[in-house]
Amino acid sequence: MKKTQLILIIVGIIAVVGLYALPSVVVDNEGEVDAISQENAGAESSESSSAAMHEAELTPDQKALVASLRSKLDDSDANDNQEALLDSLGSIYQELGRFDSAGLYFGLAAEESNNLALAEKAGDSFYEAYTFALDADKVAYTSEQTRKYLNQVLEKDPTRLDLKTKVAMTYVSSTNPMQGITMLREILEQDPQNEDALFNMGILAIQSGQYKRAAERFEELIKHHPQNLQGQFYLGVSYFEANQKNKAKAQFEAVKEMTGDEMILSSIQGYLDRL
């Protein structure tokens, strides 16, 4: 999963208040990088707190199912079935979009069996939670858990550039953002057309005010992945911020033809009104 679901949700806000929160990082400027670190407030104090909080949001039927699965987990005769029970609990929370709770149970299941498929599910769930995290504690906790589980998969299969991209992005919001930027560059050295890496490097360039460099990244992205709507949109943003008004207008008009989403169209119109 790319870190673009969040972007689609808040793209209407972006036109008014700017990009979603990322650390102030200057990247990709003729090989020079100046990373300004943010403080990490530390990991979440209790791994089970998110699951307990989310339980209050379940429907009565869902609460009954969760209670049943937990009861079976407590049954000493069900030890051989713990992996499946934990996996089932994780799937319930995943379907509800409670990704940190899903990651907790998938992670427990992975540790129960040393199952890399479950480790990947745990890492992916925590990454989903990370993309929506707003406070420092949650960002630190979910990014740490993402790396913990996805790195287990990467140790066995370092060719998984999709997972490496996710790990890289968790470092970008850590006290060591340079490590994330370096990883993204490594990915592009291996796969110059990598969709996730090109997109995220473009986003980081915008965040650091390198709008011409951002435009180059997004131009490369849509050259190989023209269906990437977010890339098309941010190319227009990059042109706009770089004061390339004609290019920005043409790009925004092109994006208008690609989508009927009212939120995105409203954001585009906000830029067009300012040209």
Protein backbone atom coordinates (compact mmCIF):
# COMPACT_ATOMS: atom_id res chain seq x y z
CA MET A 1 0.00 0.00 0.00
CA LYS A 2 1.30 3.43 -0.89
CA LYS A 3 1.21 6.36 1.46
CA THR A 4 -1.45 7.99 -0.70
CA GLN A 5 -4.73 7.05 0.91
CA LEU A 6 -4.22 9.79 3.47
CA ILE A 7 -3.26 12.24 0.74
CA LEU A 8 -6.47 11.61 -1.18
CA ILE A 9 -8.51 12.19 1.97
CA ILE A 10 -6.87 15.52 2.82
CA VAL A 11 -6.11 16.74 -0.67
CA GLY A 12 -8.91 19.29 -0.37
CA ILE A 13 -7.25 20.79 2.67
CA ILE A 14 -3.82 20.88 1.04
CA ALA A 15 -4.79 23.70 -1.32
CA VAL A 16 -5.58 25.92 1.66
CA VAL A 17 -3.19 24.98 4.44
CA GLY A 18 -0.31 23.20 2.67
CA LEU A 19 1.01 19.66 2.74
CA TYR A 20 0.33 17.17 5.47
CA ALA A 21 2.86 17.17 8.31
CA LEU A 22 6.31 15.92 7.48
CA PRO A 23 9.58 16.96 9.10
CA SER A 24 11.41 19.90 7.58
CA VAL A 25 13.88 18.15 5.32
CA VAL A 26 15.91 19.51 2.45
CA VAL A 27 16.48 16.64 0.06
CA ASP A 28 17.89 15.68 -3.26
CA ASN A 29 19.65 18.93 -4.14
CA GLU A 30 22.60 17.97 -6.34
CA GLY A 31 23.57 15.26 -3.89
CA GLU A 32 23.44 17.49 -0.84
CA VAL A 33 21.07 16.80 2.03
CA ASP A 34 20.33 18.86 5.09
CA ALA A 35 17.99 17.03 7.44
CA ILE A 36 16.42 18.88 10.31
CA SER A 37 15.39 16.32 12.92
CA GLN A 38 12.26 16.36 15.02
CA GLU A 39 12.01 15.05 18.54
CA ASN A 40 10.48 11.63 18.98
CA ALA A 41 8.30 11.48 22.04
CA GLY A 42 8.80 7.76 22.50
CA ALA A 43 6.83 4.61 22.03
CA GLU A 44 3.27 4.12 23.20
CA SER A 45 3.20 3.12 26.85
CA SER A 46 0.93 0.14 26.40
CA GLU A 47 0.63 -1.97 23.24
CA SER A 48 -2.84 -3.08 24.19
CA SER A 49 -4.26 0.41 24.84
CA SER A 50 -5.32 0.94 21.21
CA ALA A 51 -7.17 -2.36 21.08
CA ALA A 52 -8.95 -1.55 24.33
CA MET A 53 -9.94 1.88 23.02
CA HIS A 54 -11.19 0.50 19.71
CA GLU A 55 -13.24 -2.20 21.43
CA ALA A 56 -15.65 0.51 22.58
CA GLU A 57 -16.33 1.32 18.91
CA LEU A 58 -17.40 -2.20 17.95
CA THR A 59 -20.99 -3.15 17.21
CA PRO A 60 -22.64 -5.62 19.61
CA ASP A 61 -22.11 -8.48 17.13
CA GLN A 62 -18.47 -7.55 16.68
CA LYS A 63 -17.97 -7.30 20.44
CA ALA A 64 -19.48 -10.76 20.83
CA LEU A 65 -17.16 -12.20 18.18
CA VAL A 66 -14.10 -10.55 19.74
CA ALA A 67 -15.12 -11.82 23.19
CA SER A 68 -15.53 -15.33 21.79
CA LEU A 69 -12.11 -15.29 20.13
CA ARG A 70 -10.46 -13.95 23.27
CA SER A 71 -12.18 -16.59 25.36
CA LYS A 72 -10.77 -19.27 23.08
CA LEU A 73 -7.33 -17.68 23.42
CA ASP A 74 -7.60 -18.00 27.19
CA ASP A 75 -8.53 -21.66 26.87
CA SER A 76 -5.42 -23.69 27.65
CA ASP A 77 -6.63 -26.40 25.25
CA ALA A 78 -6.53 -23.93 22.35
CA ASN A 79 -2.80 -23.31 22.45
CA ASP A 80 -2.26 -25.03 19.13
CA ASN A 81 -4.78 -22.69 17.52
CA GLN A 82 -3.51 -19.38 18.89
CA GLU A 83 -2.03 -18.24 15.58
CA ALA A 84 -5.36 -18.57 13.79
CA LEU A 85 -7.28 -16.91 16.63
CA LEU A 86 -4.92 -13.94 16.77
CA ASP A 87 -5.04 -13.67 12.97
CA SER A 88 -8.85 -13.60 13.13
CA LEU A 89 -8.79 -10.84 15.74
CA GLY A 90 -6.39 -8.84 13.61
CA SER A 91 -8.62 -9.25 10.56
CA ILE A 92 -11.65 -7.91 12.46
CA TYR A 93 -9.85 -4.71 13.42
CA GLN A 94 -8.32 -4.41 9.95
CA GLU A 95 -11.76 -4.49 8.35
CA LEU A 96 -12.85 -1.73 10.74
CA GLY A 97 -9.87 0.42 9.80
CA ARG A 98 -8.42 0.15 13.33
CA PHE A 99 -4.97 -0.54 11.99
CA ASP A 100 -2.89 -0.24 15.16
CA SER A 101 -5.11 -2.81 16.88
CA ALA A 102 -4.92 -5.03 13.79
CA GLY A 103 -1.15 -4.74 13.81
CA LEU A 104 -1.01 -5.70 17.47
CA TYR A 105 -2.85 -8.99 16.90
CA PHE A 106 -1.13 -9.81 13.62
CA GLY A 107 2.17 -9.17 15.37
CA LEU A 108 1.31 -11.50 18.23
CA ALA A 109 0.29 -14.14 15.70
CA ALA A 110 3.58 -13.70 13.82
CA GLU A 111 5.59 -14.05 17.00
CA GLU A 112 3.61 -17.14 17.94
CA SER A 113 4.59 -18.92 14.73
CA ASN A 114 7.53 -17.03 13.19
CA ASN A 115 5.28 -16.65 10.15
CA LEU A 116 6.67 -14.03 7.75
CA ALA A 117 3.32 -13.60 6.01
CA LEU A 118 1.81 -12.58 9.34
CA ALA A 119 4.79 -10.35 10.07
CA GLU A 120 4.13 -8.57 6.79
CA LYS A 121 0.45 -8.17 7.68
CA ALA A 122 1.48 -6.72 11.05
CA GLY A 123 3.95 -4.32 9.45
CA ASP A 124 1.48 -3.22 6.78
CA SER A 125 -1.20 -2.61 9.43
CA PHE A 126 1.12 -0.54 11.58
CA TYR A 127 2.19 1.40 8.48
CA GLU A 128 -1.45 2.17 7.73
CA ALA A 129 -1.82 3.41 11.32
CA TYR A 130 1.37 5.45 10.91
CA THR A 131 0.00 7.27 7.85
CA PHE A 132 -2.98 8.46 9.90
CA ALA A 133 -1.13 9.17 13.16
CA LEU A 134 -1.29 12.78 14.31
CA ASP A 135 0.48 12.93 17.67
CA ALA A 136 4.17 12.29 18.25
CA ASP A 137 3.71 9.26 20.50
CA LYS A 138 1.52 7.51 17.96
CA VAL A 139 3.87 8.32 15.09
CA ALA A 140 6.86 7.01 17.03
CA TYR A 141 5.09 3.83 18.14
CA THR A 142 3.57 2.87 14.79
CA SER A 143 6.74 3.67 12.83
CA GLU A 144 8.82 1.56 15.21
CA GLN A 145 6.41 -1.36 14.90
CA THR A 146 6.32 -0.99 11.11
CA ARG A 147 10.10 -1.32 10.95
CA LYS A 148 10.14 -4.19 13.45
CA TYR A 149 7.90 -6.41 11.35
CA LEU A 150 8.67 -5.34 7.78
CA ASN A 151 12.40 -5.63 8.39
CA GLN A 152 11.84 -9.29 9.28
CA VAL A 153 10.49 -9.83 5.78
CA LEU A 154 13.22 -7.73 4.17
CA GLU A 155 15.92 -9.76 5.90
CA LYS A 156 14.64 -12.81 4.04
CA ASP A 157 13.76 -11.04 0.80
CA PRO A 158 15.65 -7.74 0.26
CA THR A 159 14.11 -7.44 -3.23
CA ARG A 160 10.81 -6.28 -1.70
CA LEU A 161 11.23 -2.63 -2.61
CA ASP A 162 7.59 -1.95 -1.77
CA LEU A 163 8.29 -2.81 1.86
CA LYS A 164 11.60 -0.97 1.85
CA THR A 165 9.77 2.18 0.73
CA LYS A 166 7.42 1.95 3.70
CA VAL A 167 10.30 1.49 6.10
CA ALA A 168 12.08 4.46 4.51
CA MET A 169 9.10 6.73 5.01
CA THR A 170 8.87 5.88 8.71
CA TYR A 171 12.43 7.13 9.12
CA VAL A 172 11.57 10.43 7.43
CA SER A 173 9.41 11.39 10.43
CA SER A 174 11.93 10.07 12.97
CA THR A 175 14.99 11.60 14.61
CA ASN A 176 17.00 10.20 11.69
CA PRO A 177 15.22 11.41 8.52
CA MET A 178 18.43 11.15 6.50
CA GLN A 179 18.27 7.37 6.78
CA GLY A 180 14.87 7.35 5.11
CA ILE A 181 16.02 9.63 2.30
CA THR A 182 19.07 7.45 1.71
CA MET A 183 16.87 4.36 1.50
CA LEU A 184 14.59 6.02 -1.05
CA ARG A 185 17.61 6.89 -3.17
CA GLU A 186 18.83 3.30 -2.95
CA ILE A 187 15.46 2.12 -4.18
CA LEU A 188 15.63 4.46 -7.17
CA GLU A 189 19.14 3.23 -7.95
CA GLN A 190 17.75 -0.31 -8.12
CA ASP A 191 14.52 0.67 -9.85
CA PRO A 192 14.57 4.19 -11.38
CA GLN A 193 10.88 3.88 -12.26
CA ASN A 194 9.72 2.84 -8.78
CA GLU A 195 6.33 4.48 -8.29
CA ASP A 196 6.35 4.77 -4.50
CA ALA A 197 9.91 6.09 -4.26
CA LEU A 198 9.42 8.68 -7.00
CA PHE A 199 6.21 9.88 -5.41
CA ASN A 200 7.64 10.17 -1.92
CA MET A 201 10.82 11.89 -3.11
CA GLY A 202 8.60 14.38 -4.90
CA ILE A 203 6.57 14.99 -1.76
CA LEU A 204 9.73 15.50 0.29
CA ALA A 205 11.06 17.96 -2.29
CA ILE A 206 7.84 19.98 -2.04
CA GLN A 207 8.02 19.89 1.75
CA SER A 208 11.56 21.29 1.63
CA GLY A 209 10.63 24.01 -0.88
CA GLN A 210 12.54 22.47 -3.81
CA TYR A 211 9.67 22.89 -6.24
CA LYS A 212 11.63 22.54 -9.46
CA ARG A 213 13.18 19.32 -8.20
CA ALA A 214 9.75 18.15 -7.11
CA ALA A 215 8.42 18.81 -10.60
CA GLU A 216 11.22 16.71 -12.05
CA ARG A 217 10.31 13.83 -9.74
CA PHE A 218 6.62 14.02 -10.57
CA GLU A 219 7.32 14.38 -14.29
CA GLU A 220 9.32 11.17 -14.10
CA LEU A 221 6.57 9.54 -12.06
CA ILE A 222 3.73 10.26 -14.47
CA LYS A 223 5.92 9.43 -17.45
CA HIS A 224 6.02 5.84 -16.25
CA HIS A 225 2.82 5.81 -14.17
CA PRO A 226 0.36 8.19 -15.86
CA GLN A 227 -2.52 6.71 -13.86
CA ASN A 228 -1.08 8.02 -10.60
CA LEU A 229 -3.64 10.72 -9.84
CA GLN A 230 -1.81 12.06 -6.79
CA GLY A 231 1.37 12.42 -8.82
CA GLN A 232 -0.51 14.28 -11.53
CA PHE A 233 -2.01 16.61 -8.93
CA TYR A 234 1.27 17.30 -7.16
CA LEU A 235 2.97 17.99 -10.47
CA GLY A 236 0.52 20.85 -10.85
CA VAL A 237 1.27 21.97 -7.29
CA SER A 238 5.01 21.87 -8.03
CA TYR A 239 4.60 23.99 -11.15
CA PHE A 240 2.40 26.42 -9.22
CA GLU A 241 4.89 26.83 -6.38
CA ALA A 242 7.77 27.16 -8.87
CA ASN A 243 5.84 30.05 -10.47
CA GLN A 244 5.52 28.16 -13.76
CA LYS A 245 1.98 29.42 -14.22
CA ASN A 246 1.31 28.20 -17.75
CA LYS A 247 2.50 24.71 -16.94
CA ALA A 248 0.52 24.70 -13.69
CA LYS A 249 -2.70 25.75 -15.43
CA ALA A 250 -2.30 23.15 -18.16
CA GLN A 251 -1.53 20.43 -15.61
CA PHE A 252 -4.46 21.25 -13.35
CA GLU A 253 -6.79 21.33 -16.35
CA ALA A 254 -5.48 17.90 -17.35
CA VAL A 255 -6.09 16.51 -13.86
CA LYS A 256 -9.67 17.84 -13.94
CA GLU A 257 -10.28 15.53 -16.90
CA MET A 258 -8.97 12.55 -14.95
CA THR A 259 -11.33 12.60 -11.96
CA GLY A 260 -14.83 13.45 -10.87
CA ASP A 261 -13.93 13.61 -7.18
CA GLU A 262 -15.45 16.83 -5.89
CA MET A 263 -12.82 17.29 -3.19
CA ILE A 264 -9.95 17.07 -5.66
CA LEU A 265 -11.75 19.27 -8.18
CA SER A 266 -12.35 21.86 -5.47
CA SER A 267 -8.66 21.86 -4.57
CA ILE A 268 -7.69 22.26 -8.23
CA GLN A 269 -10.12 25.15 -8.62
CA GLY A 270 -8.55 26.81 -5.60
CA TYR A 271 -5.19 26.77 -7.35
CA LEU A 272 -6.63 27.88 -10.69
CA ASP A 273 -8.33 30.84 -8.99
CA ARG A 274 -4.93 31.93 -7.68
CA LEU A 275 -3.19 31.77 -11.06
